[in-house]
Amino acid sequence: MSTQRQIVDSSLALGRLEINSPMLNLGTCLSGSVKEKTAQGGSQAAHLNGCVPLSHQVAGHKYGVDKVGILQHPDGTVLKQLQPPPRGPREMQFYSMVYAEDCCDPCLLVLQHHLPKYFGTWSSPESPNELYLKLEDVTRRFQKPCIMDVKIGQKSYDPYASYEKRDQQIKKYPLMEEIGFLVLGMRVYKVNSDGYDSYDQHYGRGLLKDTVKDGLSKFFYNGTSLRKDAITASILKVQNILRWFEGQIQLTFYASSLLFVYEGLPPPNPEGHIPRGLPEKTTSAACCEPNEDVLEHNNNVCAAVPLDYSLSTMYAMHKKGCTRGHRGNATPDPNPQAHNSTWKCPGLVSSEQPNGNGVKAQLEEEEVGEGGRGEPQPEQRASQVEVRMIDFAHVFPSESQDQGYVYGLKHLLEVLQQILHQ
């Protein structure tokens, strides 16, 4: 059998693995908008070592609905359960590569600023074989976080997906290639009701070319006004991500998303007071301070795969199928060094991480710009919003610009500009 035929057969087998995997159960999801009160009755049952399901998750696999999901750790981080191979090991290798302590690739060092911080892998003593990616909770500094998950790109399937997988993804949202992005979920704080409106994946799939602007604008409407400050800050953040994509030819992203977060409480007036009728301080799991003592004893474990962070190893791992168990046990490349020549670090910058740490970096307090009585500067305005890239189970090495992702970012910026100036 020729090498080319082996690659094709392997790719088809991977596609069947992803389609037939029970982990792809989408579960039950309510369509449209759902009212959600801020004060939730009852306490959530703890799962692993005091972890609970992430209460403010707007899209993706969820605990209690799917077999894998995202948990909130007591130290303020989030835990994303590793998906079955090849997706889970590929995402873990991506994070490990970007946040490697000896990373000296300027492109990857800049990329760190657009991702959640990565703190390695985690497992519970009760279930040591279940691996989780330990990530920054980018919503934690917000009191009333408004959150939106937007899938970016013209294709939501990778080049190695089976024909069945491709057809499945295209049917979910036929306009993906033309629009370039898809709203997967939103959670919007309403000032007048002190509650949240939630919108799921079915709402996003119902948005057409002539309704996507109005559909997206709902994320910035707080019940009394359109939050143009949040729109402006979001535009600045997305522009920064677009600049990174326009300057890199190393990676191609499929089925990856942008996570938008802004503070639902309106900005204080010039005297520094919160508008009447709103609490000055609220408590939620999303804004709790990280517990540094707990963070020192968070059961970080080493991954069950060799820590070879090269892009070519990720590519080889995909072709080989990663056929062993999905709890992080992937089949390693027997000769990873043979694939590394293309991905040597250029050594143009220091290997020291921007925050002074590597994978084991501690949580840092985010600084919010203070606009004072005058109009905030663009940098200060941007600090009031988070836009981070998430979901990297379908990232592959490349030698050209990621045209699909660039197209999606440009069209998203166009729509955001239309909302701002409407």
Protein backbone atom coordinates (compact mmCIF):
# COMPACT_ATOMS: atom_id res chain seq x y z
CA MET A 1 0.00 0.00 0.00
CA SER A 2 1.42 3.41 -0.96
CA THR A 3 2.23 6.04 1.65
CA GLN A 4 -0.37 8.38 0.15
CA ARG A 5 -3.07 5.72 0.43
CA GLN A 6 -2.08 5.05 4.06
CA ILE A 7 -2.47 8.74 4.90
CA VAL A 8 -5.89 8.89 3.24
CA ASP A 9 -7.10 5.74 5.00
CA SER A 10 -5.78 7.05 8.31
CA SER A 11 -7.55 10.37 7.84
CA LEU A 12 -10.84 8.63 7.02
CA ALA A 13 -10.47 6.44 10.10
CA LEU A 14 -9.93 9.55 12.23
CA GLY A 15 -13.09 11.08 10.80
CA ARG A 16 -15.10 7.98 11.67
CA LEU A 17 -13.60 8.01 15.16
CA GLU A 18 -14.76 11.58 15.73
CA ILE A 19 -18.25 11.02 14.32
CA ASN A 20 -18.95 7.75 16.11
CA SER A 21 -17.47 8.79 19.44
CA PRO A 22 -20.12 8.91 22.20
CA MET A 23 -18.37 12.05 23.46
CA LEU A 24 -19.97 13.98 20.59
CA ASN A 25 -23.43 13.81 22.11
CA LEU A 26 -24.69 17.38 21.99
CA GLY A 27 -27.22 16.75 24.72
CA THR A 28 -30.42 18.66 25.28
CA CYS A 29 -30.25 22.36 24.55
CA LEU A 30 -33.02 24.91 24.71
CA SER A 31 -33.33 27.11 21.66
CA GLY A 32 -33.66 30.86 21.59
CA SER A 33 -33.39 33.10 24.62
CA VAL A 34 -33.71 31.83 28.18
CA LYS A 35 -34.25 34.05 31.23
CA GLU A 36 -31.83 33.33 34.04
CA LYS A 37 -31.94 34.89 37.49
CA THR A 38 -28.75 36.11 39.07
CA ALA A 39 -29.44 34.53 42.44
CA GLN A 40 -29.61 30.78 41.95
CA GLY A 41 -31.30 28.70 44.59
CA GLY A 42 -29.50 25.77 46.15
CA SER A 43 -25.84 24.88 46.06
CA GLN A 44 -24.15 22.88 43.34
CA ALA A 45 -22.85 19.50 44.33
CA ALA A 46 -19.08 19.27 44.37
CA HIS A 47 -17.59 16.85 41.83
CA LEU A 48 -13.85 16.29 42.02
CA ASN A 49 -11.85 17.71 44.91
CA GLY A 50 -14.36 20.52 45.47
CA CYS A 51 -14.72 21.34 41.78
CA VAL A 52 -18.17 22.21 40.43
CA PRO A 53 -19.59 22.56 36.91
CA LEU A 54 -18.76 25.94 35.37
CA SER A 55 -21.92 27.95 36.02
CA HIS A 56 -21.38 30.60 33.35
CA GLN A 57 -20.48 28.36 30.42
CA VAL A 58 -22.34 29.45 27.27
CA ALA A 59 -21.29 26.81 24.72
CA GLY A 60 -19.48 23.50 24.33
CA HIS A 61 -19.78 20.26 26.26
CA LYS A 62 -21.37 20.77 29.68
CA TYR A 63 -21.37 18.70 32.83
CA GLY A 64 -24.77 17.19 33.58
CA VAL A 65 -25.59 17.19 29.86
CA ASP A 66 -22.56 15.62 28.17
CA LYS A 67 -20.05 13.02 29.30
CA VAL A 68 -17.24 15.57 29.25
CA GLY A 69 -17.42 19.17 30.31
CA ILE A 70 -15.80 22.10 32.07
CA LEU A 71 -15.38 22.43 35.82
CA GLN A 72 -14.52 25.33 38.11
CA HIS A 73 -11.58 24.65 40.43
CA PRO A 74 -11.65 26.14 43.96
CA ASP A 75 -8.55 28.19 43.12
CA GLY A 76 -10.43 30.14 40.42
CA THR A 77 -9.14 28.31 37.35
CA VAL A 78 -11.27 26.23 34.99
CA LEU A 79 -10.71 22.59 34.12
CA LYS A 80 -11.43 21.41 30.59
CA GLN A 81 -11.68 17.63 30.36
CA LEU A 82 -9.45 16.13 27.71
CA GLN A 83 -11.44 15.01 24.66
CA PRO A 84 -10.93 11.59 23.02
CA PRO A 85 -7.98 11.20 20.62
CA PRO A 86 -6.92 12.76 18.43
CA ARG A 87 -8.66 15.95 19.52
CA GLY A 88 -7.77 16.00 23.21
CA PRO A 89 -4.05 15.16 22.85
CA ARG A 90 -3.78 17.62 19.96
CA GLU A 91 -5.23 20.46 22.05
CA MET A 92 -2.97 19.57 24.97
CA GLN A 93 0.08 19.58 22.70
CA PHE A 94 -0.96 22.96 21.30
CA TYR A 95 -1.15 24.57 24.75
CA SER A 96 2.08 22.85 25.83
CA MET A 97 3.87 24.12 22.73
CA VAL A 98 2.68 27.73 23.07
CA TYR A 99 3.42 27.90 26.81
CA ALA A 100 6.62 25.84 26.84
CA GLU A 101 9.19 27.30 29.25
CA ASP A 102 11.86 27.25 26.54
CA CYS A 103 9.62 28.68 23.81
CA CYS A 104 11.60 31.25 21.79
CA ASP A 105 9.33 31.65 18.77
CA PRO A 106 8.23 35.33 18.61
CA CYS A 107 5.01 34.31 16.87
CA LEU A 108 4.00 31.98 19.71
CA LEU A 109 5.08 34.41 22.41
CA VAL A 110 2.72 37.02 20.97
CA LEU A 111 -0.02 34.40 20.65
CA GLN A 112 0.11 33.84 24.42
CA HIS A 113 -1.52 37.25 24.92
CA HIS A 114 -4.59 36.11 22.98
CA LEU A 115 -5.15 32.81 24.84
CA PRO A 116 -6.24 31.86 28.35
CA LYS A 117 -3.20 31.22 30.52
CA TYR A 118 -2.31 27.53 30.69
CA PHE A 119 -1.28 25.87 33.97
CA GLY A 120 -0.60 22.35 32.73
CA THR A 121 -2.79 19.30 33.27
CA TRP A 122 -4.77 18.33 36.34
CA SER A 123 -6.35 15.17 37.66
CA SER A 124 -8.25 14.26 40.79
CA PRO A 125 -6.80 11.72 43.26
CA GLU A 126 -10.11 9.87 42.96
CA SER A 127 -9.82 9.64 39.15
CA PRO A 128 -6.12 9.95 38.27
CA ASN A 129 -6.63 8.72 34.70
CA GLU A 130 -9.04 11.53 33.82
CA LEU A 131 -6.93 14.42 32.58
CA TYR A 132 -8.07 18.04 32.48
CA LEU A 133 -6.46 21.10 30.95
CA LYS A 134 -6.04 23.69 33.71
CA LEU A 135 -6.81 27.12 32.28
CA GLU A 136 -7.36 30.70 33.35
CA ASP A 137 -10.97 31.72 33.92
CA VAL A 138 -11.01 34.95 31.94
CA THR A 139 -14.37 35.95 33.47
CA ARG A 140 -13.17 35.90 37.08
CA ARG A 141 -12.47 39.64 37.41
CA PHE A 142 -15.99 40.61 36.32
CA GLN A 143 -18.89 41.04 38.73
CA LYS A 144 -21.66 40.53 36.17
CA PRO A 145 -19.87 38.91 33.21
CA CYS A 146 -21.56 39.10 29.83
CA ILE A 147 -20.14 36.22 27.77
CA MET A 148 -20.30 35.26 24.10
CA ASP A 149 -18.69 32.33 22.25
CA VAL A 150 -18.19 32.91 18.51
CA LYS A 151 -16.76 30.22 16.22
CA ILE A 152 -14.45 31.78 13.63
CA GLY A 153 -13.57 30.66 10.11
CA GLN A 154 -15.19 29.57 6.89
CA LYS A 155 -15.03 25.86 7.75
CA SER A 156 -15.87 24.15 11.02
CA TYR A 157 -14.22 20.86 9.99
CA ASP A 158 -10.54 20.14 9.39
CA PRO A 159 -8.99 18.81 6.15
CA TYR A 160 -8.85 15.27 7.55
CA ALA A 161 -12.55 15.02 8.41
CA SER A 162 -14.56 12.30 6.69
CA TYR A 163 -17.17 13.17 4.10
CA GLU A 164 -19.84 12.37 6.69
CA LYS A 165 -18.28 14.78 9.19
CA ARG A 166 -18.00 17.52 6.59
CA ASP A 167 -21.60 17.10 5.52
CA GLN A 168 -22.72 17.10 9.16
CA GLN A 169 -20.92 20.38 9.90
CA ILE A 170 -22.08 22.11 6.71
CA LYS A 171 -25.71 21.21 7.40
CA LYS A 172 -25.48 22.68 10.90
CA TYR A 173 -24.81 26.14 9.46
CA PRO A 174 -24.71 26.36 5.65
CA LEU A 175 -23.81 30.07 5.80
CA MET A 176 -20.53 29.48 7.64
CA GLU A 177 -18.42 29.85 4.48
CA GLU A 178 -20.13 33.09 3.48
CA ILE A 179 -20.48 34.76 6.90
CA GLY A 180 -17.23 33.44 8.38
CA PHE A 181 -18.41 33.16 11.97
CA LEU A 182 -21.15 31.56 14.06
CA VAL A 183 -22.54 32.62 17.45
CA LEU A 184 -22.46 29.49 19.61
CA GLY A 185 -23.92 31.04 22.75
CA MET A 186 -24.43 34.26 24.70
CA ARG A 187 -25.16 35.27 28.28
CA VAL A 188 -26.17 38.92 28.70
CA TYR A 189 -26.74 40.77 31.97
CA LYS A 190 -29.89 42.91 32.03
CA VAL A 191 -29.61 45.95 34.27
CA ASN A 192 -33.35 46.49 34.65
CA SER A 193 -34.10 42.94 35.86
CA ASP A 194 -30.77 42.10 37.55
CA GLY A 195 -30.80 38.83 35.62
CA TYR A 196 -29.33 37.22 32.52
CA ASP A 197 -30.71 36.41 29.10
CA SER A 198 -29.10 33.32 27.59
CA TYR A 199 -28.94 32.37 23.92
CA ASP A 200 -27.82 28.93 22.76
CA GLN A 201 -26.36 27.43 19.59
CA HIS A 202 -29.75 27.18 17.90
CA TYR A 203 -30.16 30.95 18.16
CA GLY A 204 -26.85 31.47 16.38
CA ARG A 205 -27.66 29.00 13.63
CA GLY A 206 -30.86 30.88 12.96
CA LEU A 207 -29.02 34.09 12.09
CA LEU A 208 -28.95 34.89 8.37
CA LYS A 209 -27.01 37.44 6.33
CA ASP A 210 -29.65 40.11 6.88
CA THR A 211 -30.22 39.34 10.57
CA VAL A 212 -26.71 38.57 11.87
CA LYS A 213 -26.07 42.23 12.76
CA ASP A 214 -29.19 42.55 14.89
CA GLY A 215 -28.60 39.09 16.34
CA LEU A 216 -25.07 39.96 17.40
CA SER A 217 -26.10 43.35 18.78
CA LYS A 218 -28.23 41.62 21.45
CA PHE A 219 -24.98 40.74 23.21
CA PHE A 220 -24.27 44.43 23.79
CA TYR A 221 -27.80 45.52 24.79
CA ASN A 222 -28.27 45.56 28.57
CA GLY A 223 -32.02 46.19 28.62
CA THR A 224 -31.72 49.96 28.77
CA SER A 225 -28.97 50.92 26.33
CA LEU A 226 -26.46 49.65 23.79
CA ARG A 227 -23.04 49.24 25.42
CA LYS A 228 -20.99 51.07 22.78
CA ASP A 229 -18.03 51.19 25.15
CA ALA A 230 -17.92 47.38 25.16
CA ILE A 231 -18.33 47.26 21.37
CA THR A 232 -15.42 49.67 20.86
CA ALA A 233 -13.19 47.70 23.23
CA SER A 234 -14.14 44.44 21.53
CA ILE A 235 -13.22 45.87 18.13
CA LEU A 236 -9.77 46.86 19.43
CA LYS A 237 -9.17 43.35 20.78
CA VAL A 238 -10.31 41.61 17.60
CA GLN A 239 -8.13 43.94 15.51
CA ASN A 240 -5.10 42.85 17.56
CA ILE A 241 -5.92 39.19 16.91
CA LEU A 242 -6.38 39.91 13.20
CA ARG A 243 -2.95 41.54 13.06
CA TRP A 244 -1.44 38.39 14.56
CA PHE A 245 -3.14 36.18 11.97
CA GLU A 246 -2.10 38.43 9.09
CA GLY A 247 1.53 38.16 10.20
CA GLN A 248 1.81 34.39 10.79
CA ILE A 249 2.04 31.43 8.42
CA GLN A 250 2.72 28.67 10.96
CA LEU A 251 -0.73 27.55 12.05
CA THR A 252 -4.21 26.95 10.65
CA PHE A 253 -7.21 26.88 13.00
CA TYR A 254 -10.48 25.03 12.43
CA ALA A 255 -13.56 25.01 14.71
CA SER A 256 -11.84 27.46 17.06
CA SER A 257 -13.67 30.28 18.83
CA LEU A 258 -13.33 33.74 20.28
CA LEU A 259 -14.61 34.20 23.83
CA PHE A 260 -15.94 37.73 24.48
CA VAL A 261 -16.42 38.97 28.05
CA TYR A 262 -17.38 42.42 29.32
CA GLU A 263 -18.66 43.81 32.62
CA GLY A 264 -22.46 43.83 32.72
CA LEU A 265 -22.61 46.48 35.43
CA PRO A 266 -22.61 49.86 33.69
CA PRO A 267 -19.55 52.06 34.17
CA PRO A 268 -19.71 54.37 37.22
CA ASN A 269 -20.68 58.00 36.65
CA PRO A 270 -18.01 60.72 36.99
CA GLU A 271 -18.49 60.83 40.77
CA GLY A 272 -17.59 57.14 40.90
CA HIS A 273 -21.03 55.85 41.96
CA ILE A 274 -22.83 52.84 40.53
CA PRO A 275 -26.22 53.90 39.08
CA ARG A 276 -29.09 53.81 41.52
CA GLY A 277 -30.84 50.48 42.06
CA LEU A 278 -27.77 48.37 41.33
CA PRO A 279 -25.67 46.64 43.98
CA GLU A 280 -22.19 48.06 44.49
CA LYS A 281 -20.71 44.61 44.87
CA THR A 282 -21.99 41.19 44.00
CA THR A 283 -20.52 37.80 44.63
CA SER A 284 -20.26 35.08 42.03
CA ALA A 285 -17.99 32.16 41.24
CA ALA A 286 -16.70 34.01 38.20
CA CYS A 287 -15.19 36.93 40.11
CA CYS A 288 -13.77 35.24 43.19
CA GLU A 289 -10.11 35.84 43.89
CA PRO A 290 -7.85 32.85 43.31
CA ASN A 291 -6.74 31.07 46.44
CA GLU A 292 -2.96 31.04 46.23
CA ASP A 293 -2.70 28.43 48.99
CA VAL A 294 -4.95 26.07 47.11
CA LEU A 295 -3.11 26.79 43.89
CA GLU A 296 0.08 25.43 45.43
CA HIS A 297 -1.62 22.06 45.98
CA ASN A 298 -3.77 21.67 42.89
CA ASN A 299 -2.70 18.16 41.89
CA ASN A 300 -0.96 19.20 38.69
CA VAL A 301 0.29 16.08 36.97
CA CYS A 302 2.48 15.34 34.00
CA ALA A 303 0.79 14.40 30.76
CA ALA A 304 0.91 10.76 29.68
CA VAL A 305 2.46 11.75 26.35
CA PRO A 306 6.02 12.94 25.74
CA LEU A 307 6.25 16.71 25.96
CA ASP A 308 7.35 17.21 22.36
CA TYR A 309 5.72 20.48 21.42
CA SER A 310 6.61 20.60 17.72
CA LEU A 311 3.87 21.30 15.19
CA SER A 312 5.08 18.46 13.00
CA THR A 313 4.62 16.03 15.90
CA MET A 314 1.03 17.24 16.26
CA TYR A 315 0.55 16.60 12.56
CA ALA A 316 2.12 13.13 12.73
CA MET A 317 0.03 12.29 15.78
CA HIS A 318 -3.12 13.15 13.84
CA LYS A 319 -2.17 10.91 10.89
CA LYS A 320 -1.35 7.97 13.16
CA GLY A 321 -4.79 8.18 14.73
CA CYS A 322 -3.83 8.26 18.41
CA THR A 323 -5.68 4.96 18.73
CA ARG A 324 -5.04 4.34 22.43
CA GLY A 325 -7.36 5.33 25.26
CA HIS A 326 -8.71 8.90 25.27
CA ARG A 327 -7.67 9.93 28.78
CA GLY A 328 -4.50 11.54 27.55
CA ASN A 329 -2.75 8.30 26.48
CA ALA A 330 -1.75 9.03 22.91
CA THR A 331 0.60 6.99 20.77
CA PRO A 332 3.88 8.93 20.64
CA ASP A 333 5.87 9.43 17.47
CA PRO A 334 8.74 6.90 17.55
CA ASN A 335 11.08 9.43 15.98
CA PRO A 336 9.82 12.93 16.83
CA GLN A 337 13.16 14.60 16.07
CA ALA A 338 12.80 13.62 12.41
CA HIS A 339 9.92 16.09 12.09
CA ASN A 340 11.38 19.03 13.97
CA SER A 341 13.60 20.68 11.39
CA THR A 342 10.88 22.96 10.04
CA TRP A 343 9.90 24.24 13.47
CA LYS A 344 13.20 25.31 15.00
CA CYS A 345 12.83 28.35 17.25
CA PRO A 346 14.49 31.33 15.60
CA GLY A 347 15.89 32.55 18.93
CA LEU A 348 15.04 36.18 18.24
CA VAL A 349 13.62 36.84 21.69
CA SER A 350 14.23 35.71 25.23
CA SER A 351 12.78 32.36 26.28
CA GLU A 352 11.43 34.05 29.40
CA GLN A 353 7.64 34.21 29.35
CA PRO A 354 6.05 37.71 29.33
CA ASN A 355 4.74 37.08 32.86
CA GLY A 356 8.06 35.75 34.10
CA ASN A 357 6.88 32.17 34.36
CA GLY A 358 6.36 29.10 32.23
CA VAL A 359 3.55 26.57 32.27
CA LYS A 360 3.40 26.76 36.05
CA ALA A 361 2.71 30.47 36.01
CA GLN A 362 0.64 31.68 38.94
CA LEU A 363 -2.63 33.49 38.44
CA GLU A 364 -2.11 37.22 38.02
CA GLU A 365 -4.41 40.05 38.96
CA GLU A 366 -5.67 41.77 35.84
CA GLU A 367 -5.36 45.54 35.85
CA VAL A 368 -8.38 47.54 34.74
CA GLY A 369 -7.72 50.91 33.17
CA GLU A 370 -9.23 53.89 34.94
CA GLY A 371 -10.68 56.42 32.60
CA GLY A 372 -11.26 59.03 35.31
CA ARG A 373 -13.63 61.82 34.48
CA GLY A 374 -12.56 62.09 30.87
CA GLU A 375 -12.94 59.76 27.91
CA PRO A 376 -10.85 56.61 28.40
CA GLN A 377 -7.90 56.06 26.09
CA PRO A 378 -8.16 53.12 23.63
CA GLU A 379 -5.80 50.99 25.75
CA GLN A 380 -7.84 51.71 28.90
CA ARG A 381 -11.10 51.02 27.11
CA ALA A 382 -9.77 47.71 25.78
CA SER A 383 -8.78 46.61 29.29
CA GLN A 384 -12.46 46.63 30.27
CA VAL A 385 -13.18 43.75 27.87
CA GLU A 386 -11.65 40.32 27.29
CA VAL A 387 -11.48 38.65 23.88
CA ARG A 388 -9.54 35.37 23.93
CA MET A 389 -9.06 32.56 21.46
CA ILE A 390 -10.29 29.17 22.76
CA ASP A 391 -10.84 25.57 21.54
CA PHE A 392 -7.78 24.16 19.79
CA ALA A 393 -8.63 20.55 19.03
CA HIS A 394 -8.28 21.21 15.30
CA VAL A 395 -5.06 23.23 14.92
CA PHE A 396 -2.54 22.15 12.28
CA PRO A 397 0.85 23.32 11.01
CA SER A 398 0.77 25.41 7.86
CA GLU A 399 3.00 27.23 5.41
CA SER A 400 0.52 29.90 4.37
CA GLN A 401 -1.82 32.44 5.91
CA ASP A 402 -4.98 31.10 7.54
CA GLN A 403 -7.35 32.64 4.98
CA GLY A 404 -10.52 31.16 6.51
CA TYR A 405 -9.86 32.59 9.97
CA VAL A 406 -8.75 35.96 8.54
CA TYR A 407 -11.93 36.14 6.48
CA GLY A 408 -14.07 35.43 9.55
CA LEU A 409 -12.30 38.04 11.68
CA LYS A 410 -12.65 40.72 9.00
CA HIS A 411 -16.35 40.08 8.53
CA LEU A 412 -16.92 40.00 12.29
CA LEU A 413 -15.15 43.37 12.59
CA GLU A 414 -17.32 44.72 9.79
CA VAL A 415 -20.49 43.68 11.62
CA LEU A 416 -19.25 45.09 14.94
CA GLN A 417 -18.50 48.41 13.23
CA GLN A 418 -22.03 48.46 11.78
CA ILE A 419 -23.50 47.85 15.25
CA LEU A 420 -21.35 50.62 16.74
CA HIS A 421 -22.44 53.21 14.17
CA GLN A 422 -26.07 52.20 13.79
